[in-house]
Amino acid sequence: MIAGIADPDGGIRVVAIDHRDSLRVLLSPEHPDAISAAEITAFKIDVVAVLAPGASGVMLEPEYSVPQVPDAGVLPLGVGFMLALEDQGYLADPGRQPTRVMPGWSVAAAVASGAAAAKLLVPYRPDAPLASAQEDVARTVAAECLALNFPLVLEPLVYGADEPHEHSALVLETVRRFAPIGAAVLKLPFPGRGRAAPQVAAAACEQITGLCPMPWAVLSGGGTFESFEAQLTLARRAGCAGFMVGRALWGDVIGVPADDRRRLLTRVVAPRLERLGDIVRGR
């Protein structure tokens, strides 16, 4: 159990709002550069203010939300944040260069920020030229966390797999390579996709649980809330510790006027989070 991120029984119910350039594009697809830093921060504060009371933790980043969100006083007592350390620019061309820690930041800086854990996203394909370099990046950050007795949430994000069988195989091989690195939690994509039968995805989730000496949480990957709810139900039955969910949860408030945002979050999004929490609690 990671204090500030997981429940006392180890269940993980994390709201991810560490989006940066991708959030800017979501807020203004035609003119993303017109979105100010203050607007991004205000959006994040609203999301955390409404949803954090129903979460075990939140996922933030150092550009728009740390220290701004903690300083806004919207994190309830006992609900901590994990800090995303990866630099931007990794998703447009995930095979171009290894993941980098944001300039001016480090594991030590994450500790000093008051975070409950560090998070590192590593775009990954085991058959890609950068595979070894990405594994080295993860090992380096994991070793720094271990030296400071600081938890690491590691997100090896599989990319470039279109067919369900290929996606599942790549996720499983990725887990085999990253599970021994020493993270406190693995944040993983659901190993089923498209036409994959539920029983096949369930078997893959059970394999992940068997491969992981640490808890693992399923990420939403920007799909619909309904599809993620079904995925979490299946993964939880197979031993997944919980979820780290972003756009699939709060995406409907994108484009809503700021004056109405908290109202929609309260009326529509918070009940969704409660439904996901009930799955984690076995209700």
Protein backbone atom coordinates (compact mmCIF):
# COMPACT_ATOMS: atom_id res chain seq x y z
CA MET A 1 0.00 0.00 0.00
CA ILE A 2 1.27 3.47 -0.94
CA ALA A 3 -0.02 6.11 1.44
CA GLY A 4 -1.78 8.87 -0.46
CA ILE A 5 -2.32 6.80 -3.59
CA ALA A 6 -3.94 3.55 -2.47
CA ASP A 7 -6.65 2.61 0.00
CA PRO A 8 -5.63 0.92 3.27
CA ASP A 9 -6.54 -2.45 1.73
CA GLY A 10 -4.37 -1.75 -1.34
CA GLY A 11 -7.10 -0.74 -3.76
CA ILE A 12 -6.03 1.93 -6.26
CA ARG A 13 -8.52 4.63 -7.34
CA VAL A 14 -6.49 7.35 -9.04
CA VAL A 15 -7.76 10.26 -11.12
CA ALA A 16 -5.18 11.15 -13.79
CA ILE A 17 -5.01 14.83 -14.70
CA ASP A 18 -1.31 15.05 -15.62
CA HIS A 19 -2.10 15.88 -19.26
CA ARG A 20 -0.24 18.83 -20.73
CA ASP A 21 0.00 19.48 -24.47
CA SER A 22 -2.68 16.86 -25.09
CA LEU A 23 -5.04 18.77 -22.78
CA ARG A 24 -4.28 22.00 -24.60
CA VAL A 25 -5.34 20.31 -27.85
CA LEU A 26 -8.46 18.88 -26.25
CA LEU A 27 -9.48 22.29 -24.93
CA SER A 28 -8.93 23.99 -28.28
CA PRO A 29 -8.34 21.61 -31.22
CA GLU A 30 -8.20 24.41 -33.77
CA HIS A 31 -6.04 26.82 -31.77
CA PRO A 32 -4.26 24.95 -28.96
CA ASP A 33 -1.67 27.69 -28.52
CA ALA A 34 -4.46 30.09 -27.61
CA ILE A 35 -5.09 28.19 -24.37
CA SER A 36 -3.20 29.88 -21.54
CA ALA A 37 -1.39 28.18 -18.70
CA ALA A 38 -3.88 29.74 -16.30
CA GLU A 39 -6.80 28.11 -18.16
CA ILE A 40 -5.13 24.70 -18.01
CA THR A 41 -4.43 25.10 -14.31
CA ALA A 42 -8.01 26.21 -13.62
CA PHE A 43 -9.33 23.15 -15.43
CA LYS A 44 -7.14 20.85 -13.35
CA ILE A 45 -8.10 22.53 -10.09
CA ASP A 46 -11.79 22.08 -10.91
CA VAL A 47 -11.34 18.39 -11.73
CA VAL A 48 -9.38 17.71 -8.55
CA ALA A 49 -11.70 19.79 -6.36
CA VAL A 50 -14.73 17.73 -7.37
CA LEU A 51 -13.22 14.28 -7.90
CA ALA A 52 -10.41 13.94 -5.36
CA PRO A 53 -12.81 13.27 -2.45
CA GLY A 54 -13.87 10.08 -4.28
CA ALA A 55 -10.33 8.98 -5.16
CA SER A 56 -7.43 7.39 -3.33
CA GLY A 57 -4.98 9.67 -5.16
CA VAL A 58 -4.49 11.96 -8.15
CA MET A 59 -1.87 12.18 -10.85
CA LEU A 60 -0.39 15.64 -11.48
CA GLU A 61 2.59 17.21 -13.30
CA PRO A 62 5.05 20.05 -12.61
CA GLU A 63 4.05 22.48 -15.38
CA TYR A 64 0.46 23.40 -14.61
CA SER A 65 -0.60 21.57 -11.45
CA VAL A 66 2.31 21.35 -8.98
CA PRO A 67 2.39 23.36 -6.81
CA GLN A 68 -0.80 25.02 -8.08
CA VAL A 69 -3.28 22.25 -7.24
CA PRO A 70 -1.94 21.50 -3.73
CA ASP A 71 -1.69 25.22 -3.05
CA ALA A 72 -5.37 25.63 -4.03
CA GLY A 73 -6.31 23.45 -1.06
CA VAL A 74 -8.45 21.06 -3.10
CA LEU A 75 -6.72 17.83 -2.05
CA PRO A 76 -8.57 16.23 0.87
CA LEU A 77 -6.60 14.93 3.84
CA GLY A 78 -5.18 11.52 3.00
CA VAL A 79 -5.46 11.94 -0.78
CA GLY A 80 -1.99 12.47 -2.19
CA PHE A 81 -0.59 13.08 -5.62
CA MET A 82 1.92 11.31 -7.78
CA LEU A 83 4.12 13.53 -9.90
CA ALA A 84 4.70 12.80 -13.60
CA LEU A 85 8.41 13.26 -14.33
CA GLU A 86 8.56 12.53 -18.06
CA ASP A 87 9.16 15.35 -20.51
CA GLN A 88 6.64 16.02 -23.27
CA GLY A 89 6.86 15.12 -26.95
CA TYR A 90 6.94 11.34 -26.51
CA LEU A 91 3.60 10.37 -28.10
CA ALA A 92 3.73 12.08 -31.50
CA ASP A 93 6.63 9.80 -32.48
CA PRO A 94 7.19 7.33 -29.62
CA GLY A 95 10.06 5.56 -31.33
CA ARG A 96 12.13 8.67 -32.02
CA GLN A 97 14.03 9.12 -28.76
CA PRO A 98 14.20 7.74 -25.23
CA THR A 99 12.05 9.20 -22.49
CA ARG A 100 13.62 12.15 -20.66
CA VAL A 101 12.94 13.50 -17.21
CA MET A 102 11.63 17.07 -17.41
CA PRO A 103 14.43 19.66 -17.27
CA GLY A 104 14.85 20.99 -13.76
CA TRP A 105 13.10 18.00 -12.20
CA SER A 106 14.28 14.79 -10.61
CA VAL A 107 13.19 12.15 -8.13
CA ALA A 108 14.63 14.31 -5.34
CA ALA A 109 12.59 17.27 -6.58
CA ALA A 110 9.46 15.11 -6.62
CA VAL A 111 10.09 14.20 -2.98
CA ALA A 112 10.59 17.87 -2.10
CA SER A 113 7.33 18.80 -3.86
CA GLY A 114 5.32 16.79 -1.34
CA ALA A 115 4.33 14.08 -3.81
CA ALA A 116 3.37 10.65 -2.53
CA ALA A 117 5.12 8.97 -5.48
CA ALA A 118 6.83 9.62 -8.79
CA LYS A 119 5.34 8.52 -12.12
CA LEU A 120 7.30 7.79 -15.27
CA LEU A 121 5.70 7.09 -18.66
CA VAL A 122 7.88 5.10 -21.04
CA PRO A 123 6.51 4.52 -24.57
CA TYR A 124 7.61 1.00 -25.38
CA ARG A 125 7.70 -1.82 -27.87
CA PRO A 126 9.89 -4.81 -26.99
CA ASP A 127 10.82 -5.22 -30.68
CA ALA A 128 11.68 -1.54 -31.29
CA PRO A 129 15.24 -0.17 -31.63
CA LEU A 130 14.78 1.96 -28.51
CA ALA A 131 13.58 -0.90 -26.30
CA SER A 132 16.86 -1.32 -24.45
CA ALA A 133 17.29 2.44 -23.98
CA GLN A 134 13.77 2.75 -22.57
CA GLU A 135 14.42 -0.08 -20.14
CA ASP A 136 17.61 1.70 -19.03
CA VAL A 137 15.68 4.94 -18.41
CA ALA A 138 13.20 3.06 -16.24
CA ARG A 139 15.97 1.32 -14.31
CA THR A 140 17.76 4.60 -13.65
CA VAL A 141 14.67 6.34 -12.28
CA ALA A 142 13.67 3.25 -10.29
CA ALA A 143 17.14 3.13 -8.71
CA GLU A 144 16.91 6.82 -7.77
CA CYS A 145 13.52 6.19 -6.17
CA LEU A 146 14.81 3.17 -4.28
CA ALA A 147 17.77 5.16 -2.97
CA LEU A 148 15.37 7.75 -1.55
CA ASN A 149 12.80 5.17 -0.37
CA PHE A 150 10.28 6.84 -2.66
CA PRO A 151 7.61 4.90 -4.60
CA LEU A 152 7.66 4.83 -8.39
CA VAL A 153 4.59 4.28 -10.56
CA LEU A 154 5.98 3.01 -13.85
CA GLU A 155 3.92 3.22 -17.05
CA PRO A 156 5.44 1.24 -19.93
CA LEU A 157 2.96 2.26 -22.63
CA VAL A 158 2.77 -0.15 -25.55
CA TYR A 159 2.29 1.49 -28.94
CA GLY A 160 1.83 0.52 -32.57
CA ALA A 161 -0.26 -2.62 -32.09
CA ASP A 162 -3.48 -2.69 -34.10
CA GLU A 163 -4.55 -6.32 -33.94
CA PRO A 164 -5.99 -7.60 -30.63
CA HIS A 165 -3.66 -10.60 -30.46
CA GLU A 166 -0.58 -8.48 -31.16
CA HIS A 167 -1.62 -5.91 -28.55
CA SER A 168 -2.11 -8.56 -25.87
CA ALA A 169 1.20 -10.25 -26.67
CA LEU A 170 3.08 -6.94 -26.58
CA VAL A 171 1.54 -5.96 -23.24
CA LEU A 172 2.49 -9.30 -21.70
CA GLU A 173 6.06 -9.17 -23.00
CA THR A 174 6.36 -5.59 -21.77
CA VAL A 175 5.26 -6.66 -18.29
CA ARG A 176 7.84 -9.47 -18.31
CA ARG A 177 10.58 -6.92 -19.00
CA PHE A 178 9.46 -4.16 -16.64
CA ALA A 179 8.12 -6.10 -13.65
CA PRO A 180 11.65 -6.88 -12.32
CA ILE A 181 12.82 -3.23 -12.55
CA GLY A 182 11.63 -2.30 -9.07
CA ALA A 183 8.60 -0.03 -9.39
CA ALA A 184 6.05 0.12 -6.59
CA VAL A 185 3.14 -0.04 -9.06
CA LEU A 186 2.83 -0.76 -12.78
CA LYS A 187 0.30 1.32 -14.71
CA LEU A 188 -0.69 -0.77 -17.72
CA PRO A 189 -3.00 -0.73 -20.73
CA PHE A 190 -5.81 -3.25 -20.73
CA PRO A 191 -4.48 -6.31 -22.60
CA GLY A 192 -7.65 -6.77 -24.67
CA ARG A 193 -8.62 -4.69 -27.67
CA GLY A 194 -11.22 -4.58 -30.41
CA ARG A 195 -12.56 -8.02 -31.23
CA ALA A 196 -10.65 -9.80 -28.47
CA ALA A 197 -12.99 -12.14 -26.61
CA PRO A 198 -13.52 -11.29 -22.92
CA GLN A 199 -12.16 -14.67 -21.83
CA VAL A 200 -8.95 -14.03 -23.77
CA ALA A 201 -8.51 -10.62 -22.15
CA ALA A 202 -9.31 -12.13 -18.74
CA ALA A 203 -6.61 -14.76 -19.21
CA ALA A 204 -4.11 -12.05 -20.18
CA CYS A 205 -5.00 -10.06 -17.05
CA GLU A 206 -4.44 -13.17 -14.94
CA GLN A 207 -1.04 -13.60 -16.59
CA ILE A 208 -0.15 -10.00 -15.75
CA THR A 209 -1.07 -10.57 -12.12
CA GLY A 210 1.12 -13.66 -12.07
CA LEU A 211 4.05 -11.78 -13.61
CA CYS A 212 3.87 -8.77 -11.28
CA PRO A 213 5.46 -8.89 -7.83
CA MET A 214 3.88 -5.48 -7.26
CA PRO A 215 0.29 -4.19 -7.70
CA TRP A 216 -0.79 -3.15 -11.16
CA ALA A 217 -3.45 -0.66 -12.20
CA VAL A 218 -5.23 -0.43 -15.52
CA LEU A 219 -5.18 2.84 -17.47
CA SER A 220 -8.06 4.12 -19.54
CA GLY A 221 -6.21 5.17 -22.69
CA GLY A 222 -8.78 7.77 -23.72
CA GLY A 223 -11.62 5.37 -24.57
CA THR A 224 -15.22 5.70 -23.48
CA PHE A 225 -16.25 5.46 -19.86
CA GLU A 226 -18.49 2.47 -20.57
CA SER A 227 -15.70 0.48 -22.22
CA PHE A 228 -13.31 1.31 -19.40
CA GLU A 229 -15.85 0.28 -16.76
CA ALA A 230 -16.15 -3.13 -18.45
CA GLN A 231 -12.37 -3.47 -18.71
CA LEU A 232 -11.85 -2.60 -15.06
CA THR A 233 -14.49 -5.11 -13.98
CA LEU A 234 -12.71 -7.88 -15.85
CA ALA A 235 -9.21 -6.81 -14.78
CA ARG A 236 -10.18 -6.48 -11.12
CA ARG A 237 -11.54 -10.02 -11.07
CA ALA A 238 -8.19 -11.15 -12.48
CA GLY A 239 -6.15 -9.51 -9.70
CA CYS A 240 -5.66 -5.93 -10.88
CA ALA A 241 -5.38 -3.55 -7.90
CA GLY A 242 -7.47 -0.77 -9.45
CA PHE A 243 -7.43 2.06 -11.94
CA MET A 244 -5.68 5.24 -13.03
CA VAL A 245 -8.23 6.97 -15.22
CA GLY A 246 -8.15 10.23 -17.15
CA ARG A 247 -10.17 11.31 -20.18
CA ALA A 248 -12.49 8.30 -20.09
CA LEU A 249 -13.71 9.69 -16.78
CA TRP A 250 -13.69 13.48 -17.16
CA GLY A 251 -13.54 13.95 -20.94
CA ASP A 252 -17.16 15.08 -21.15
CA VAL A 253 -16.33 18.33 -19.40
CA ILE A 254 -13.96 19.34 -22.20
CA GLY A 255 -15.43 22.39 -23.89
CA VAL A 256 -17.86 23.13 -21.08
CA PRO A 257 -17.75 26.80 -20.01
CA ALA A 258 -15.69 27.28 -16.85
CA ASP A 259 -18.73 28.51 -14.93
CA ASP A 260 -20.54 25.21 -15.56
CA ARG A 261 -17.60 22.85 -15.23
CA ARG A 262 -17.86 21.98 -11.55
CA ARG A 263 -21.60 21.48 -11.89
CA LEU A 264 -21.15 18.88 -14.64
CA LEU A 265 -18.27 17.24 -12.80
CA THR A 266 -20.47 16.88 -9.73
CA ARG A 267 -23.59 15.72 -11.54
CA VAL A 268 -22.10 13.36 -14.16
CA VAL A 269 -18.44 12.61 -13.53
CA ALA A 270 -18.34 12.08 -9.75
CA PRO A 271 -21.00 9.30 -9.95
CA ARG A 272 -18.89 7.61 -12.62
CA LEU A 273 -15.90 7.67 -10.30
CA GLU A 274 -18.03 6.18 -7.56
CA ARG A 275 -19.03 3.33 -9.89
CA LEU A 276 -15.37 2.59 -10.64
CA GLY A 277 -14.58 2.75 -6.93
CA ASP A 278 -17.33 0.22 -6.20
CA ILE A 279 -15.68 -2.18 -8.66
CA VAL A 280 -12.36 -1.82 -6.87
CA ARG A 281 -14.04 -2.36 -3.48
CA GLY A 282 -15.91 -5.40 -4.76
CA ARG A 283 -19.36 -3.89 -4.27
